[in-house]
Amino acid sequence: MKKVELENGVIAVTTLATSIDPNIGIYKGHMINGIFGFTVKLTKGEIEIPREVAINYVLQPKNVTFAKMLRILNTFKNGNT
């Protein structure tokens, strides 16, 4: 998978997460974390997105279920703490 496609997947998953819970903030940037996923910086904190979810969003978006999105939202860490 091309880097730009993977980056688009991260941004798309983040946009979906924000639409489910706007209180997490807006996408600011992301980086690869130590577990080969992505740490996404938001205006109000950060979330963790597994690499396979970003890939699935690009290749088969229907496989990114609401349950997977809830798991991602449960990784939210408030930036004010």
C-alpha atoms as a PDB file:
ATOM      1  CA  MET A   1       0.000   0.000   0.000  1.00  0.00           C
ATOM      2  CA  LYS A   2       1.288   3.434  -0.890  1.00  0.00           C
ATOM      3  CA  LYS A   3       2.129   5.843   1.910  1.00  0.00           C
ATOM      4  CA  VAL A   4      -0.397   8.411   0.679  1.00  0.00           C
ATOM      5  CA  GLU A   5      -3.193   5.790   0.633  1.00  0.00           C
ATOM      6  CA  LEU A   6      -2.382   4.769   4.200  1.00  0.00           C
ATOM      7  CA  GLU A   7      -2.288   8.412   5.270  1.00  0.00           C
ATOM      8  CA  ASN A   8      -5.676   8.970   3.621  1.00  0.00           C
ATOM      9  CA  GLY A   9      -7.011   5.973   5.561  1.00  0.00           C
ATOM     10  CA  VAL A  10      -5.813   7.433   8.875  1.00  0.00           C
ATOM     11  CA  ILE A  11      -7.393  10.788   8.094  1.00  0.00           C
ATOM     12  CA  ALA A  12     -10.659   9.167   6.950  1.00  0.00           C
ATOM     13  CA  VAL A  13     -10.913   7.006  10.080  1.00  0.00           C
ATOM     14  CA  THR A  14     -10.192  10.079  12.200  1.00  0.00           C
ATOM     15  CA  THR A  15     -12.902  12.022  10.380  1.00  0.00           C
ATOM     16  CA  LEU A  16     -15.340   9.185  11.021  1.00  0.00           C
ATOM     17  CA  ALA A  17     -14.353   9.087  14.707  1.00  0.00           C
ATOM     18  CA  THR A  18     -14.921  12.841  14.948  1.00  0.00           C
ATOM     19  CA  SER A  19     -18.348  12.503  13.356  1.00  0.00           C
ATOM     20  CA  ILE A  20     -19.283   9.896  15.976  1.00  0.00           C
ATOM     21  CA  ASP A  21     -17.877  11.938  18.868  1.00  0.00           C
ATOM     22  CA  PRO A  22     -17.156  15.581  18.021  1.00  0.00           C
ATOM     23  CA  ASN A  23     -15.842  16.143  21.561  1.00  0.00           C
ATOM     24  CA  ILE A  24     -12.502  14.523  20.665  1.00  0.00           C
ATOM     25  CA  GLY A  25     -11.540  17.454  18.469  1.00  0.00           C
ATOM     26  CA  ILE A  26     -10.254  17.879  14.943  1.00  0.00           C
ATOM     27  CA  TYR A  27      -7.357  16.144  13.189  1.00  0.00           C
ATOM     28  CA  LYS A  28      -3.999  17.914  13.553  1.00  0.00           C
ATOM     29  CA  GLY A  29      -1.538  15.208  12.505  1.00  0.00           C
ATOM     30  CA  HIS A  30      -0.415  11.642  13.088  1.00  0.00           C
ATOM     31  CA  MET A  31       2.645   9.479  13.576  1.00  0.00           C
ATOM     32  CA  ILE A  32       3.488   5.784  13.625  1.00  0.00           C
ATOM     33  CA  ASN A  33       3.511   4.496  17.189  1.00  0.00           C
ATOM     34  CA  GLY A  34       5.514   1.724  18.822  1.00  0.00           C
ATOM     35  CA  ILE A  35       2.895  -0.928  18.082  1.00  0.00           C
ATOM     36  CA  PHE A  36       2.861  -0.264  14.310  1.00  0.00           C
ATOM     37  CA  GLY A  37      -0.361   1.657  14.435  1.00  0.00           C
ATOM     38  CA  PHE A  38      -0.938   5.387  14.462  1.00  0.00           C
ATOM     39  CA  THR A  39      -1.191   7.956  17.202  1.00  0.00           C
ATOM     40  CA  VAL A  40      -3.433  10.723  15.926  1.00  0.00           C
ATOM     41  CA  LYS A  41      -3.117  14.186  17.417  1.00  0.00           C
ATOM     42  CA  LEU A  42      -6.402  16.033  17.730  1.00  0.00           C
ATOM     43  CA  THR A  43      -7.254  19.526  18.927  1.00  0.00           C
ATOM     44  CA  LYS A  44      -8.512  18.058  22.218  1.00  0.00           C
ATOM     45  CA  GLY A  45      -6.232  15.051  22.721  1.00  0.00           C
ATOM     46  CA  GLU A  46      -5.223  11.941  20.821  1.00  0.00           C
ATOM     47  CA  ILE A  47      -6.493   8.553  19.675  1.00  0.00           C
ATOM     48  CA  GLU A  48      -4.825   5.328  18.561  1.00  0.00           C
ATOM     49  CA  ILE A  49      -5.708   3.796  15.202  1.00  0.00           C
ATOM     50  CA  PRO A  50      -4.504   0.277  14.388  1.00  0.00           C
ATOM     51  CA  ARG A  51      -2.709   0.024  11.047  1.00  0.00           C
ATOM     52  CA  GLU A  52      -5.118  -2.666   9.824  1.00  0.00           C
ATOM     53  CA  VAL A  53      -8.118  -0.369  10.381  1.00  0.00           C
ATOM     54  CA  ALA A  54      -6.511   2.377   8.280  1.00  0.00           C
ATOM     55  CA  ILE A  55      -5.745  -0.178   5.556  1.00  0.00           C
ATOM     56  CA  ASN A  56      -9.255  -1.652   5.728  1.00  0.00           C
ATOM     57  CA  TYR A  57     -10.767   1.805   5.362  1.00  0.00           C
ATOM     58  CA  VAL A  58      -8.902   2.296   2.096  1.00  0.00           C
ATOM     59  CA  LEU A  59      -9.484  -1.202   0.685  1.00  0.00           C
ATOM     60  CA  GLN A  60     -12.835  -2.220   2.190  1.00  0.00           C
ATOM     61  CA  PRO A  61     -14.449   0.627   4.135  1.00  0.00           C
ATOM     62  CA  LYS A  62     -17.490  -1.487   5.036  1.00  0.00           C
ATOM     63  CA  ASN A  63     -15.188  -3.631   7.198  1.00  0.00           C
ATOM     64  CA  VAL A  64     -14.585  -0.666   9.492  1.00  0.00           C
ATOM     65  CA  THR A  65     -17.517  -1.374  11.765  1.00  0.00           C
ATOM     66  CA  PHE A  66     -19.093   0.780  14.429  1.00  0.00           C
ATOM     67  CA  ALA A  67     -17.635  -1.590  17.047  1.00  0.00           C
ATOM     68  CA  LYS A  68     -14.114  -0.972  15.683  1.00  0.00           C
ATOM     69  CA  MET A  69     -14.753   2.754  15.789  1.00  0.00           C
ATOM     70  CA  LEU A  70     -15.895   2.521  19.415  1.00  0.00           C
ATOM     71  CA  ARG A  71     -12.641   0.710  20.286  1.00  0.00           C
ATOM     72  CA  ILE A  72     -10.709   3.541  18.652  1.00  0.00           C
ATOM     73  CA  LEU A  73     -12.759   6.163  20.495  1.00  0.00           C
ATOM     74  CA  ASN A  74     -12.062   4.331  23.760  1.00  0.00           C
ATOM     75  CA  THR A  75      -8.334   5.039  23.234  1.00  0.00           C
ATOM     76  CA  PHE A  76      -8.973   8.790  23.480  1.00  0.00           C
ATOM     77  CA  LYS A  77      -6.646  10.600  25.843  1.00  0.00           C
ATOM     78  CA  ASN A  78      -7.583  14.137  26.707  1.00  0.00           C
ATOM     79  CA  GLY A  79      -4.826  16.617  25.874  1.00  0.00           C
ATOM     80  CA  ASN A  80      -5.644  18.685  28.940  1.00  0.00           C
ATOM     81  CA  THR A  81      -4.538  16.079  31.475  1.00  0.00           C
END
